[in-house]
Amino acid sequence: MSNHIHIIWQIQHGYERDAIQRNFLKFVSQTIQRELEKKHPKVLERFYVGAADRKFQFWKRNPLSIDLWTKEVFIQKMEYIHYNPVAAGLCNCVEEYKYSSAKFYETGEDEFGITKHWMA
């Protein structure tokens, strides 16, 4: 998606959701900032906030996080995520969107080397 992401993850024993989410968002923000500093400094200026705790802001402050406790809810959310790029007009079918796990579920091909089958 052009302005947001959807991720389904499984929290491993010994880790806390808030810490995982915070660390993920921080890592991605720092990566985006470094890349924009090197390649697109004018674009980086659009994210400048000059706050006491950060110079730039890439994420909304309270990201939506939903627990997926049942198989039915998991499937509903995964289908929503897979069809989101189609609804946004970015592709015609779910397998065409490069940054989706839909292709993995259709072909078994894992371009990024991180996708796991939810039933595994």
PDB file of N, CA and C in Angstrom:
ATOM      1  N   MET A   1       0.835  -1.168   0.000  1.00  0.00           N
ATOM      2  CA  MET A   1       0.000   0.000   0.000  1.00  0.00           C
ATOM      3  C   MET A   1       0.890   1.245   0.000  1.00  0.00           C
ATOM      4  N   SER A   2       0.383   2.305  -0.542  1.00  0.00           N
ATOM      5  CA  SER A   2       1.206   3.493  -0.698  1.00  0.00           C
ATOM      6  C   SER A   2       1.373   4.294   0.585  1.00  0.00           C
ATOM      7  N   ASN A   3       0.474   4.140   1.534  1.00  0.00           N
ATOM      8  CA  ASN A   3       0.576   4.971   2.744  1.00  0.00           C
ATOM      9  C   ASN A   3       0.408   4.200   4.053  1.00  0.00           C
ATOM     10  N   HIS A   4       0.382   2.879   3.986  1.00  0.00           N
ATOM     11  CA  HIS A   4       0.286   2.087   5.219  1.00  0.00           C
ATOM     12  C   HIS A   4       0.684   0.636   4.948  1.00  0.00           C
ATOM     13  N   ILE A   5       0.863  -0.097   6.021  1.00  0.00           N
ATOM     14  CA  ILE A   5       1.188  -1.519   5.894  1.00  0.00           C
ATOM     15  C   ILE A   5       0.268  -2.326   6.800  1.00  0.00           C
ATOM     16  N   HIS A   6       0.126  -3.584   6.450  1.00  0.00           N
ATOM     17  CA  HIS A   6      -0.568  -4.552   7.288  1.00  0.00           C
ATOM     18  C   HIS A   6       0.408  -5.693   7.536  1.00  0.00           C
ATOM     19  N   ILE A   7       0.517  -6.108   8.772  1.00  0.00           N
ATOM     20  CA  ILE A   7       1.406  -7.216   9.120  1.00  0.00           C
ATOM     21  C   ILE A   7       0.674  -8.138  10.089  1.00  0.00           C
ATOM     22  N   ILE A   8       0.774  -9.423   9.828  1.00  0.00           N
ATOM     23  CA  ILE A   8       0.312 -10.415  10.802  1.00  0.00           C
ATOM     24  C   ILE A   8       1.557 -11.095  11.325  1.00  0.00           C
ATOM     25  N   TRP A   9       1.722 -11.070  12.622  1.00  0.00           N
ATOM     26  CA  TRP A   9       2.890 -11.713  13.217  1.00  0.00           C
ATOM     27  C   TRP A   9       2.467 -12.530  14.422  1.00  0.00           C
ATOM     28  N   GLN A  10       3.314 -13.469  14.759  1.00  0.00           N
ATOM     29  CA  GLN A  10       3.089 -14.297  15.936  1.00  0.00           C
ATOM     30  C   GLN A  10       4.165 -13.955  16.956  1.00  0.00           C
ATOM     31  N   ILE A  11       3.719 -13.623  18.133  1.00  0.00           N
ATOM     32  CA  ILE A  11       4.647 -13.242  19.190  1.00  0.00           C
ATOM     33  C   ILE A  11       5.222 -14.505  19.828  1.00  0.00           C
ATOM     34  N   GLN A  12       6.525 -14.582  19.864  1.00  0.00           N
ATOM     35  CA  GLN A  12       7.199 -15.723  20.479  1.00  0.00           C
ATOM     36  C   GLN A  12       7.224 -15.570  21.991  1.00  0.00           C
ATOM     37  N   HIS A  13       7.309 -16.680  22.674  1.00  0.00           N
ATOM     38  CA  HIS A  13       7.339 -16.693  24.136  1.00  0.00           C
ATOM     39  C   HIS A  13       8.476 -15.801  24.649  1.00  0.00           C
ATOM     40  N   GLY A  14       8.172 -15.023  25.653  1.00  0.00           N
ATOM     41  CA  GLY A  14       9.175 -14.167  26.264  1.00  0.00           C
ATOM     42  C   GLY A  14       9.209 -12.751  25.715  1.00  0.00           C
ATOM     43  N   TYR A  15       8.396 -12.463  24.705  1.00  0.00           N
ATOM     44  CA  TYR A  15       8.358 -11.133  24.115  1.00  0.00           C
ATOM     45  C   TYR A  15       6.989 -10.498  24.360  1.00  0.00           C
ATOM     46  N   GLU A  16       6.940  -9.193  24.373  1.00  0.00           N
ATOM     47  CA  GLU A  16       5.698  -8.462  24.613  1.00  0.00           C
ATOM     48  C   GLU A  16       5.303  -7.702  23.349  1.00  0.00           C
ATOM     49  N   ARG A  17       3.999  -7.700  23.051  1.00  0.00           N
ATOM     50  CA  ARG A  17       3.505  -7.064  21.835  1.00  0.00           C
ATOM     51  C   ARG A  17       3.948  -5.606  21.734  1.00  0.00           C
ATOM     52  N   ASP A  18       3.785  -4.838  22.800  1.00  0.00           N
ATOM     53  CA  ASP A  18       4.132  -3.417  22.748  1.00  0.00           C
ATOM     54  C   ASP A  18       5.606  -3.203  22.417  1.00  0.00           C
ATOM     55  N   ALA A  19       6.473  -4.024  22.982  1.00  0.00           N
ATOM     56  CA  ALA A  19       7.908  -3.892  22.730  1.00  0.00           C
ATOM     57  C   ALA A  19       8.244  -4.280  21.292  1.00  0.00           C
ATOM     58  N   ILE A  20       7.630  -5.339  20.800  1.00  0.00           N
ATOM     59  CA  ILE A  20       7.880  -5.772  19.420  1.00  0.00           C
ATOM     60  C   ILE A  20       7.419  -4.693  18.451  1.00  0.00           C
ATOM     61  N   GLN A  21       6.223  -4.194  18.676  1.00  0.00           N
ATOM     62  CA  GLN A  21       5.670  -3.170  17.794  1.00  0.00           C
ATOM     63  C   GLN A  21       6.524  -1.902  17.831  1.00  0.00           C
ATOM     64  N   ARG A  22       6.895  -1.463  19.009  1.00  0.00           N
ATOM     65  CA  ARG A  22       7.725  -0.262  19.159  1.00  0.00           C
ATOM     66  C   ARG A  22       9.061  -0.437  18.439  1.00  0.00           C
ATOM     67  N   ASN A  23       9.713  -1.572  18.660  1.00  0.00           N
ATOM     68  CA  ASN A  23      11.021  -1.809  18.041  1.00  0.00           C
ATOM     69  C   ASN A  23      10.927  -1.921  16.521  1.00  0.00           C
ATOM     70  N   PHE A  24       9.872  -2.545  16.041  1.00  0.00           N
ATOM     71  CA  PHE A  24       9.667  -2.649  14.598  1.00  0.00           C
ATOM     72  C   PHE A  24       9.495  -1.262  13.979  1.00  0.00           C
ATOM     73  N   LEU A  25       8.601  -0.460  14.562  1.00  0.00           N
ATOM     74  CA  LEU A  25       8.347   0.876  14.030  1.00  0.00           C
ATOM     75  C   LEU A  25       9.598   1.750  14.098  1.00  0.00           C
ATOM     76  N   LYS A  26      10.361   1.625  15.175  1.00  0.00           N
ATOM     77  CA  LYS A  26      11.595   2.401  15.320  1.00  0.00           C
ATOM     78  C   LYS A  26      12.624   1.990  14.263  1.00  0.00           C
ATOM     79  N   PHE A  27      12.809   0.696  14.086  1.00  0.00           N
ATOM     80  CA  PHE A  27      13.765   0.202  13.093  1.00  0.00           C
ATOM     81  C   PHE A  27      13.396   0.676  11.689  1.00  0.00           C
ATOM     82  N   VAL A  28      12.122   0.535  11.323  1.00  0.00           N
ATOM     83  CA  VAL A  28      11.693   0.942   9.988  1.00  0.00           C
ATOM     84  C   VAL A  28      11.840   2.454   9.819  1.00  0.00           C
ATOM     85  N   SER A  29      11.483   3.227  10.829  1.00  0.00           N
ATOM     86  CA  SER A  29      11.632   4.688  10.760  1.00  0.00           C
ATOM     87  C   SER A  29      13.084   5.091  10.549  1.00  0.00           C
ATOM     88  N   GLN A  30      13.972   4.479  11.305  1.00  0.00           N
ATOM     89  CA  GLN A  30      15.399   4.802  11.171  1.00  0.00           C
ATOM     90  C   GLN A  30      15.919   4.416   9.788  1.00  0.00           C
ATOM     91  N   THR A  31      15.451   3.299   9.256  1.00  0.00           N
ATOM     92  CA  THR A  31      15.860   2.859   7.925  1.00  0.00           C
ATOM     93  C   THR A  31      15.355   3.836   6.865  1.00  0.00           C
ATOM     94  N   ILE A  32      14.094   4.239   6.978  1.00  0.00           N
ATOM     95  CA  ILE A  32      13.534   5.208   6.033  1.00  0.00           C
ATOM     96  C   ILE A  32      14.313   6.515   6.109  1.00  0.00           C
ATOM     97  N   GLN A  33      14.583   6.980   7.313  1.00  0.00           N
ATOM     98  CA  GLN A  33      15.304   8.244   7.476  1.00  0.00           C
ATOM     99  C   GLN A  33      16.688   8.186   6.824  1.00  0.00           C
ATOM    100  N   ARG A  34      17.426   7.111   7.084  1.00  0.00           N
ATOM    101  CA  ARG A  34      18.770   6.974   6.493  1.00  0.00           C
ATOM    102  C   ARG A  34      18.709   6.968   4.964  1.00  0.00           C
ATOM    103  N   GLU A  35      17.761   6.218   4.408  1.00  0.00           N
ATOM    104  CA  GLU A  35      17.643   6.146   2.948  1.00  0.00           C
ATOM    105  C   GLU A  35      17.259   7.497   2.352  1.00  0.00           C
ATOM    106  N   LEU A  36      16.333   8.202   2.996  1.00  0.00           N
ATOM    107  CA  LEU A  36      15.939   9.515   2.485  1.00  0.00           C
ATOM    108  C   LEU A  36      17.072  10.525   2.622  1.00  0.00           C
ATOM    109  N   GLU A  37      17.831  10.459   3.708  1.00  0.00           N
ATOM    110  CA  GLU A  37      18.976  11.362   3.876  1.00  0.00           C
ATOM    111  C   GLU A  37      19.960  11.192   2.726  1.00  0.00           C
ATOM    112  N   LYS A  38      20.207   9.939   2.330  1.00  0.00           N
ATOM    113  CA  LYS A  38      21.173   9.645   1.276  1.00  0.00           C
ATOM    114  C   LYS A  38      20.638   9.962  -0.123  1.00  0.00           C
ATOM    115  N   LYS A  39      19.385   9.575  -0.372  1.00  0.00           N
ATOM    116  CA  LYS A  39      18.887   9.584  -1.745  1.00  0.00           C
ATOM    117  C   LYS A  39      17.853  10.672  -2.050  1.00  0.00           C
ATOM    118  N   HIS A  40      17.108  11.123  -1.040  1.00  0.00           N
ATOM    119  CA  HIS A  40      16.023  12.067  -1.291  1.00  0.00           C
ATOM    120  C   HIS A  40      15.867  13.057  -0.137  1.00  0.00           C
ATOM    121  N   PRO A  41      16.872  13.885   0.123  1.00  0.00           N
ATOM    122  CA  PRO A  41      16.804  14.796   1.269  1.00  0.00           C
ATOM    123  C   PRO A  41      15.616  15.763   1.227  1.00  0.00           C
ATOM    124  N   LYS A  42      15.181  16.157   0.050  1.00  0.00           N
ATOM    125  CA  LYS A  42      14.021  17.056  -0.057  1.00  0.00           C
ATOM    126  C   LYS A  42      12.739  16.357   0.399  1.00  0.00           C
ATOM    127  N   VAL A  43      12.623  15.069   0.114  1.00  0.00           N
ATOM    128  CA  VAL A  43      11.454  14.301   0.558  1.00  0.00           C
ATOM    129  C   VAL A  43      11.475  14.169   2.082  1.00  0.00           C
ATOM    130  N   LEU A  44      12.656  13.965   2.638  1.00  0.00           N
ATOM    131  CA  LEU A  44      12.789  13.840   4.096  1.00  0.00           C
ATOM    132  C   LEU A  44      12.226  15.070   4.809  1.00  0.00           C
ATOM    133  N   GLU A  45      12.399  16.233   4.223  1.00  0.00           N
ATOM    134  CA  GLU A  45      11.914  17.467   4.845  1.00  0.00           C
ATOM    135  C   GLU A  45      10.408  17.428   5.103  1.00  0.00           C
ATOM    136  N   ARG A  46       9.662  16.694   4.310  1.00  0.00           N
ATOM    137  CA  ARG A  46       8.199  16.577   4.482  1.00  0.00           C
ATOM    138  C   ARG A  46       7.814  15.904   5.798  1.00  0.00           C
ATOM    139  N   PHE A  47       8.741  15.130   6.358  1.00  0.00           N
ATOM    140  CA  PHE A  47       8.464  14.384   7.583  1.00  0.00           C
ATOM    141  C   PHE A  47       9.003  15.084   8.829  1.00  0.00           C
ATOM    142  N   TYR A  48       9.564  16.271   8.652  1.00  0.00           N
ATOM    143  CA  TYR A  48      10.145  17.004   9.780  1.00  0.00           C
ATOM    144  C   TYR A  48       9.040  17.470  10.725  1.00  0.00           C
ATOM    145  N   VAL A  49       9.227  17.177  12.039  1.00  0.00           N
ATOM    146  CA  VAL A  49       8.278  17.635  13.062  1.00  0.00           C
ATOM    147  C   VAL A  49       8.986  18.443  14.147  1.00  0.00           C
ATOM    148  N   GLY A  50      10.290  18.241  14.309  1.00  0.00           N
ATOM    149  CA  GLY A  50      11.056  18.989  15.300  1.00  0.00           C
ATOM    150  C   GLY A  50      10.544  18.832  16.717  1.00  0.00           C
ATOM    151  N   ALA A  51      10.025  17.677  17.053  1.00  0.00           N
ATOM    152  CA  ALA A  51       9.516  17.416  18.403  1.00  0.00           C
ATOM    153  C   ALA A  51      10.676  17.193  19.366  1.00  0.00           C
ATOM    154  N   ALA A  52      10.373  17.241  20.648  1.00  0.00           N
ATOM    155  CA  ALA A  52      11.406  17.074  21.674  1.00  0.00           C
ATOM    156  C   ALA A  52      12.071  15.702  21.593  1.00  0.00           C
ATOM    157  N   ASP A  53      11.302  14.674  21.215  1.00  0.00           N
ATOM    158  CA  ASP A  53      11.849  13.312  21.199  1.00  0.00           C
ATOM    159  C   ASP A  53      12.196  12.799  19.801  1.00  0.00           C
ATOM    160  N   ARG A  54      11.964  13.612  18.748  1.00  0.00           N
ATOM    161  CA  ARG A  54      12.300  13.172  17.391  1.00  0.00           C
ATOM    162  C   ARG A  54      12.274  14.355  16.438  1.00  0.00           C
ATOM    163  N   LYS A  55      13.123  14.256  15.420  1.00  0.00           N
ATOM    164  CA  LYS A  55      13.136  15.294  14.387  1.00  0.00           C
ATOM    165  C   LYS A  55      12.119  14.996  13.280  1.00  0.00           C
ATOM    166  N   PHE A  56      11.912  13.688  13.012  1.00  0.00           N
ATOM    167  CA  PHE A  56      11.041  13.284  11.916  1.00  0.00           C
ATOM    168  C   PHE A  56       9.992  12.301  12.426  1.00  0.00           C
ATOM    169  N   GLN A  57       8.851  12.278  11.775  1.00  0.00           N
ATOM    170  CA  GLN A  57       7.795  11.336  12.148  1.00  0.00           C
ATOM    171  C   GLN A  57       7.273  10.658  10.888  1.00  0.00           C
ATOM    172  N   PHE A  58       7.325   9.313  10.892  1.00  0.00           N
ATOM    173  CA  PHE A  58       6.888   8.533   9.736  1.00  0.00           C
ATOM    174  C   PHE A  58       5.607   7.764   9.999  1.00  0.00           C
ATOM    175  N   TRP A  59       5.265   7.552  11.257  1.00  0.00           N
ATOM    176  CA  TRP A  59       4.100   6.742  11.628  1.00  0.00           C
ATOM    177  C   TRP A  59       3.096   7.594  12.382  1.00  0.00           C
ATOM    178  N   LYS A  60       1.831   7.186  12.303  1.00  0.00           N
ATOM    179  CA  LYS A  60       0.834   7.770  13.191  1.00  0.00           C
ATOM    180  C   LYS A  60       1.170   7.326  14.604  1.00  0.00           C
ATOM    181  N   ARG A  61       0.743   8.091  15.585  1.00  0.00           N
ATOM    182  CA  ARG A  61       1.128   7.825  16.973  1.00  0.00           C
ATOM    183  C   ARG A  61       0.549   6.540  17.554  1.00  0.00           C
ATOM    184  N   ASN A  62      -0.667   6.182  17.238  1.00  0.00           N
ATOM    185  CA  ASN A  62      -1.292   4.998  17.844  1.00  0.00           C
ATOM    186  C   ASN A  62      -1.708   4.008  16.761  1.00  0.00           C
ATOM    187  N   PRO A  63      -0.769   3.183  16.315  1.00  0.00           N
ATOM    188  CA  PRO A  63      -1.113   2.231  15.261  1.00  0.00           C
ATOM    189  C   PRO A  63      -2.140   1.212  15.747  1.00  0.00           C
ATOM    190  N   LEU A  64      -2.995   0.814  14.847  1.00  0.00           N
ATOM    191  CA  LEU A  64      -4.024  -0.163  15.170  1.00  0.00           C
ATOM    192  C   LEU A  64      -3.392  -1.542  15.300  1.00  0.00           C
ATOM    193  N   SER A  65      -3.699  -2.221  16.367  1.00  0.00           N
ATOM    194  CA  SER A  65      -3.193  -3.565  16.593  1.00  0.00           C
ATOM    195  C   SER A  65      -4.363  -4.419  17.085  1.00  0.00           C
ATOM    196  N   ILE A  66      -4.586  -5.537  16.412  1.00  0.00           N
ATOM    197  CA  ILE A  66      -5.729  -6.400  16.723  1.00  0.00           C
ATOM    198  C   ILE A  66      -5.231  -7.804  17.018  1.00  0.00           C
ATOM    199  N   ASP A  67      -5.677  -8.371  18.132  1.00  0.00           N
ATOM    200  CA  ASP A  67      -5.352  -9.762  18.431  1.00  0.00           C
ATOM    201  C   ASP A  67      -6.226 -10.675  17.584  1.00  0.00           C
ATOM    202  N   LEU A  68      -5.629 -11.714  17.034  1.00  0.00           N
ATOM    203  CA  LEU A  68      -6.346 -12.682  16.201  1.00  0.00           C
ATOM    204  C   LEU A  68      -6.452 -13.987  16.973  1.00  0.00           C
ATOM    205  N   TRP A  69      -7.526 -14.140  17.710  1.00  0.00           N
ATOM    206  CA  TRP A  69      -7.664 -15.259  18.640  1.00  0.00           C
ATOM    207  C   TRP A  69      -8.291 -16.495  18.031  1.00  0.00           C
ATOM    208  N   THR A  70      -9.030 -16.361  16.941  1.00  0.00           N
ATOM    209  CA  THR A  70      -9.681 -17.530  16.351  1.00  0.00           C
ATOM    210  C   THR A  70      -9.257 -17.693  14.897  1.00  0.00           C
ATOM    211  N   LYS A  71      -9.401 -18.898  14.394  1.00  0.00           N
ATOM    212  CA  LYS A  71      -9.078 -19.189  13.000  1.00  0.00           C
ATOM    213  C   LYS A  71      -9.922 -18.323  12.071  1.00  0.00           C
ATOM    214  N   GLU A  72     -11.193 -18.152  12.404  1.00  0.00           N
ATOM    215  CA  GLU A  72     -12.099 -17.381  11.561  1.00  0.00           C
ATOM    216  C   GLU A  72     -11.678 -15.906  11.469  1.00  0.00           C
ATOM    217  N   VAL A  73     -11.301 -15.331  12.595  1.00  0.00           N
ATOM    218  CA  VAL A  73     -10.859 -13.931  12.600  1.00  0.00           C
ATOM    219  C   VAL A  73      -9.549 -13.811  11.830  1.00  0.00           C
ATOM    220  N   PHE A  74      -8.656 -14.757  12.018  1.00  0.00           N
ATOM    221  CA  PHE A  74      -7.378 -14.731  11.297  1.00  0.00           C
ATOM    222  C   PHE A  74      -7.622 -14.745   9.791  1.00  0.00           C
ATOM    223  N   ILE A  75      -8.448 -15.656   9.322  1.00  0.00           N
ATOM    224  CA  ILE A  75      -8.725 -15.767   7.890  1.00  0.00           C
ATOM    225  C   ILE A  75      -9.371 -14.488   7.365  1.00  0.00           C
ATOM    226  N   GLN A  76     -10.318 -13.931   8.118  1.00  0.00           N
ATOM    227  CA  GLN A  76     -10.979 -12.698   7.697  1.00  0.00           C
ATOM    228  C   GLN A  76      -9.966 -11.565   7.552  1.00  0.00           C
ATOM    229  N   LYS A  77      -9.069 -11.422   8.508  1.00  0.00           N
ATOM    230  CA  LYS A  77      -8.069 -10.350   8.459  1.00  0.00           C
ATOM    231  C   LYS A  77      -7.060 -10.583   7.336  1.00  0.00           C
ATOM    232  N   MET A  78      -6.650 -11.823   7.143  1.00  0.00           N
ATOM    233  CA  MET A  78      -5.700 -12.118   6.073  1.00  0.00           C
ATOM    234  C   MET A  78      -6.330 -11.839   4.711  1.00  0.00           C
ATOM    235  N   GLU A  79      -7.581 -12.211   4.521  1.00  0.00           N
ATOM    236  CA  GLU A  79      -8.252 -11.934   3.254  1.00  0.00           C
ATOM    237  C   GLU A  79      -8.407 -10.429   3.041  1.00  0.00           C
ATOM    238  N   TYR A  80      -8.728  -9.705   4.095  1.00  0.00           N
ATOM    239  CA  TYR A  80      -8.819  -8.243   3.998  1.00  0.00           C
ATOM    240  C   TYR A  80      -7.477  -7.662   3.540  1.00  0.00           C
ATOM    241  N   ILE A  81      -6.401  -8.113   4.163  1.00  0.00           N
ATOM    242  CA  ILE A  81      -5.064  -7.626   3.805  1.00  0.00           C
ATOM    243  C   ILE A  81      -4.747  -7.958   2.348  1.00  0.00           C
ATOM    244  N   HIS A  82      -5.049  -9.181   1.920  1.00  0.00           N
ATOM    245  CA  HIS A  82      -4.745  -9.588   0.555  1.00  0.00           C
ATOM    246  C   HIS A  82      -5.550  -8.789  -0.469  1.00  0.00           C
ATOM    247  N   TYR A  83      -6.800  -8.459  -0.167  1.00  0.00           N
ATOM    248  CA  TYR A  83      -7.646  -7.744  -1.124  1.00  0.00           C
ATOM    249  C   TYR A  83      -7.500  -6.225  -1.040  1.00  0.00           C
ATOM    250  N   ASN A  84      -6.822  -5.710  -0.042  1.00  0.00           N
ATOM    251  CA  ASN A  84      -6.655  -4.274   0.137  1.00  0.00           C
ATOM    252  C   ASN A  84      -6.019  -3.599  -1.082  1.00  0.00           C
ATOM    253  N   PRO A  85      -4.937  -4.126  -1.664  1.00  0.00           N
ATOM    254  CA  PRO A  85      -4.350  -3.489  -2.855  1.00  0.00           C
ATOM    255  C   PRO A  85      -5.284  -3.527  -4.076  1.00  0.00           C
ATOM    256  N   VAL A  86      -6.102  -4.566  -4.177  1.00  0.00           N
ATOM    257  CA  VAL A  86      -7.073  -4.640  -5.278  1.00  0.00           C
ATOM    258  C   VAL A  86      -8.108  -3.536  -5.095  1.00  0.00           C
ATOM    259  N   ALA A  87      -8.618  -3.394  -3.884  1.00  0.00           N
ATOM    260  CA  ALA A  87      -9.613  -2.351  -3.588  1.00  0.00           C
ATOM    261  C   ALA A  87      -9.038  -0.957  -3.816  1.00  0.00           C
ATOM    262  N   ALA A  88      -7.737  -0.795  -3.594  1.00  0.00           N
ATOM    263  CA  ALA A  88      -7.084   0.499  -3.786  1.00  0.00           C
ATOM    264  C   ALA A  88      -6.717   0.753  -5.250  1.00  0.00           C
ATOM    265  N   GLY A  89      -6.956  -0.232  -6.116  1.00  0.00           N
ATOM    266  CA  GLY A  89      -6.662  -0.068  -7.537  1.00  0.00           C
ATOM    267  C   GLY A  89      -5.197  -0.236  -7.894  1.00  0.00           C
ATOM    268  N   LEU A  90      -4.416  -0.863  -7.018  1.00  0.00           N
ATOM    269  CA  LEU A  90      -2.985  -1.048  -7.275  1.00  0.00           C
ATOM    270  C   LEU A  90      -2.687  -2.290  -8.107  1.00  0.00           C
ATOM    271  N   CYS A  91      -3.659  -3.188  -8.200  1.00  0.00           N
ATOM    272  CA  CYS A  91      -3.505  -4.408  -8.983  1.00  0.00           C
ATOM    273  C   CYS A  91      -4.897  -4.958  -9.289  1.00  0.00           C
ATOM    274  N   ASN A  92      -4.938  -5.955 -10.164  1.00  0.00           N
ATOM    275  CA  ASN A  92      -6.228  -6.546 -10.544  1.00  0.00           C
ATOM    276  C   ASN A  92      -6.566  -7.799  -9.749  1.00  0.00           C
ATOM    277  N   CYS A  93      -5.542  -8.519  -9.326  1.00  0.00           N
ATOM    278  CA  CYS A  93      -5.787  -9.702  -8.503  1.00  0.00           C
ATOM    279  C   CYS A  93      -4.744  -9.734  -7.383  1.00  0.00           C
ATOM    280  N   VAL A  94      -5.080 -10.410  -6.301  1.00  0.00           N
ATOM    281  CA  VAL A  94      -4.266 -10.346  -5.084  1.00  0.00           C
ATOM    282  C   VAL A  94      -2.830 -10.824  -5.293  1.00  0.00           C
ATOM    283  N   GLU A  95      -2.617 -11.787  -6.175  1.00  0.00           N
ATOM    284  CA  GLU A  95      -1.271 -12.328  -6.384  1.00  0.00           C
ATOM    285  C   GLU A  95      -0.344 -11.351  -7.105  1.00  0.00           C
ATOM    286  N   GLU A  96      -0.898 -10.334  -7.756  1.00  0.00           N
ATOM    287  CA  GLU A  96      -0.083  -9.375  -8.516  1.00  0.00           C
ATOM    288  C   GLU A  96       0.635  -8.360  -7.627  1.00  0.00           C
ATOM    289  N   TYR A  97       0.132  -8.132  -6.441  1.00  0.00           N
ATOM    290  CA  TYR A  97       0.732  -7.084  -5.602  1.00  0.00           C
ATOM    291  C   TYR A  97       2.035  -7.598  -5.006  1.00  0.00           C
ATOM    292  N   LYS A  98       3.140  -6.951  -5.360  1.00  0.00           N
ATOM    293  CA  LYS A  98       4.485  -7.426  -4.999  1.00  0.00           C
ATOM    294  C   LYS A  98       4.678  -7.624  -3.502  1.00  0.00           C
ATOM    295  N   TYR A  99       4.120  -6.742  -2.691  1.00  0.00           N
ATOM    296  CA  TYR A  99       4.410  -6.759  -1.253  1.00  0.00           C
ATOM    297  C   TYR A  99       3.336  -7.484  -0.445  1.00  0.00           C
ATOM    298  N   SER A 100       2.725  -8.472  -1.037  1.00  0.00           N
ATOM    299  CA  SER A 100       1.664  -9.233  -0.383  1.00  0.00           C
ATOM    300  C   SER A 100       2.070 -10.694  -0.225  1.00  0.00           C
ATOM    301  N   SER A 101       1.549 -11.318   0.809  1.00  0.00           N
ATOM    302  CA  SER A 101       1.781 -12.755   0.984  1.00  0.00           C
ATOM    303  C   SER A 101       0.809 -13.582   0.150  1.00  0.00           C
ATOM    304  N   ALA A 102      -0.103 -12.948  -0.564  1.00  0.00           N
ATOM    305  CA  ALA A 102      -1.090 -13.684  -1.363  1.00  0.00           C
ATOM    306  C   ALA A 102      -0.412 -14.596  -2.377  1.00  0.00           C
ATOM    307  N   LYS A 103       0.651 -14.122  -2.999  1.00  0.00           N
ATOM    308  CA  LYS A 103       1.383 -14.937  -3.977  1.00  0.00           C
ATOM    309  C   LYS A 103       1.949 -16.190  -3.309  1.00  0.00           C
ATOM    310  N   PHE A 104       2.427 -16.036  -2.089  1.00  0.00           N
ATOM    311  CA  PHE A 104       2.951 -17.184  -1.338  1.00  0.00           C
ATOM    312  C   PHE A 104       1.857 -18.238  -1.148  1.00  0.00           C
ATOM    313  N   TYR A 105       0.660 -17.800  -0.775  1.00  0.00           N
ATOM    314  CA  TYR A 105      -0.432 -18.748  -0.549  1.00  0.00           C
ATOM    315  C   TYR A 105      -0.934 -19.357  -1.844  1.00  0.00           C
ATOM    316  N   GLU A 106      -0.758 -18.650  -2.959  1.00  0.00           N
ATOM    317  CA  GLU A 106      -1.189 -19.161  -4.260  1.00  0.00           C
ATOM    318  C   GLU A 106      -0.156 -20.111  -4.861  1.00  0.00           C
ATOM    319  N   THR A 107       1.140 -19.759  -4.768  1.00  0.00           N
ATOM    320  CA  THR A 107       2.182 -20.518  -5.476  1.00  0.00           C
ATOM    321  C   THR A 107       3.185 -21.217  -4.561  1.00  0.00           C
ATOM    322  N   GLY A 108       3.243 -20.802  -3.291  1.00  0.00           N
ATOM    323  CA  GLY A 108       4.253 -21.340  -2.382  1.00  0.00           C
ATOM    324  C   GLY A 108       5.576 -20.605  -2.478  1.00  0.00           C
ATOM    325  N   GLU A 109       5.681 -19.635  -3.387  1.00  0.00           N
ATOM    326  CA  GLU A 109       6.911 -18.870  -3.587  1.00  0.00           C
ATOM    327  C   GLU A 109       7.004 -17.752  -2.548  1.00  0.00           C
ATOM    328  N   ASP A 110       8.130 -17.716  -1.826  1.00  0.00           N
ATOM    329  CA  ASP A 110       8.358 -16.705  -0.792  1.00  0.00           C
ATOM    330  C   ASP A 110       9.515 -15.817  -1.228  1.00  0.00           C
ATOM    331  N   GLU A 111       9.202 -14.743  -1.963  1.00  0.00           N
ATOM    332  CA  GLU A 111      10.233 -13.846  -2.489  1.00  0.00           C
ATOM    333  C   GLU A 111      11.110 -13.236  -1.405  1.00  0.00           C
ATOM    334  N   PHE A 112      10.549 -13.000  -0.230  1.00  0.00           N
ATOM    335  CA  PHE A 112      11.266 -12.278   0.814  1.00  0.00           C
ATOM    336  C   PHE A 112      11.922 -13.191   1.847  1.00  0.00           C
ATOM    337  N   GLY A 113      11.601 -14.467   1.822  1.00  0.00           N
ATOM    338  CA  GLY A 113      12.233 -15.417   2.728  1.00  0.00           C
ATOM    339  C   GLY A 113      11.777 -15.311   4.167  1.00  0.00           C
ATOM    340  N   ILE A 114      10.604 -14.716   4.401  1.00  0.00           N
ATOM    341  CA  ILE A 114      10.131 -14.549   5.780  1.00  0.00           C
ATOM    342  C   ILE A 114       8.697 -15.057   5.994  1.00  0.00           C
ATOM    343  N   THR A 115       8.024 -15.391   4.905  1.00  0.00           N
ATOM    344  CA  THR A 115       6.619 -15.766   5.027  1.00  0.00           C
ATOM    345  C   THR A 115       6.487 -17.205   5.516  1.00  0.00           C
ATOM    346  N   LYS A 116       5.625 -17.392   6.470  1.00  0.00           N
ATOM    347  CA  LYS A 116       5.335 -18.716   7.007  1.00  0.00           C
ATOM    348  C   LYS A 116       3.840 -18.995   6.841  1.00  0.00           C
ATOM    349  N   HIS A 117       3.506 -20.241   6.588  1.00  0.00           N
ATOM    350  CA  HIS A 117       2.091 -20.586   6.464  1.00  0.00           C
ATOM    351  C   HIS A 117       1.435 -20.489   7.831  1.00  0.00           C
ATOM    352  N   TRP A 118       0.297 -19.863   7.902  1.00  0.00           N
ATOM    353  CA  TRP A 118      -0.367 -19.619   9.177  1.00  0.00           C
ATOM    354  C   TRP A 118      -0.795 -20.893   9.875  1.00  0.00           C
ATOM    355  N   MET A 119      -0.911 -21.992   9.140  1.00  0.00           N
ATOM    356  CA  MET A 119      -1.312 -23.271   9.753  1.00  0.00           C
ATOM    357  C   MET A 119      -0.119 -24.048  10.268  1.00  0.00           C
ATOM    358  N   ALA A 120       1.091 -23.593   9.975  1.00  0.00           N
ATOM    359  CA  ALA A 120       2.286 -24.344  10.365  1.00  0.00           C
ATOM    360  C   ALA A 120       2.508 -24.313  11.864  1.00  0.00           C
TER     361      ALA A 120
END
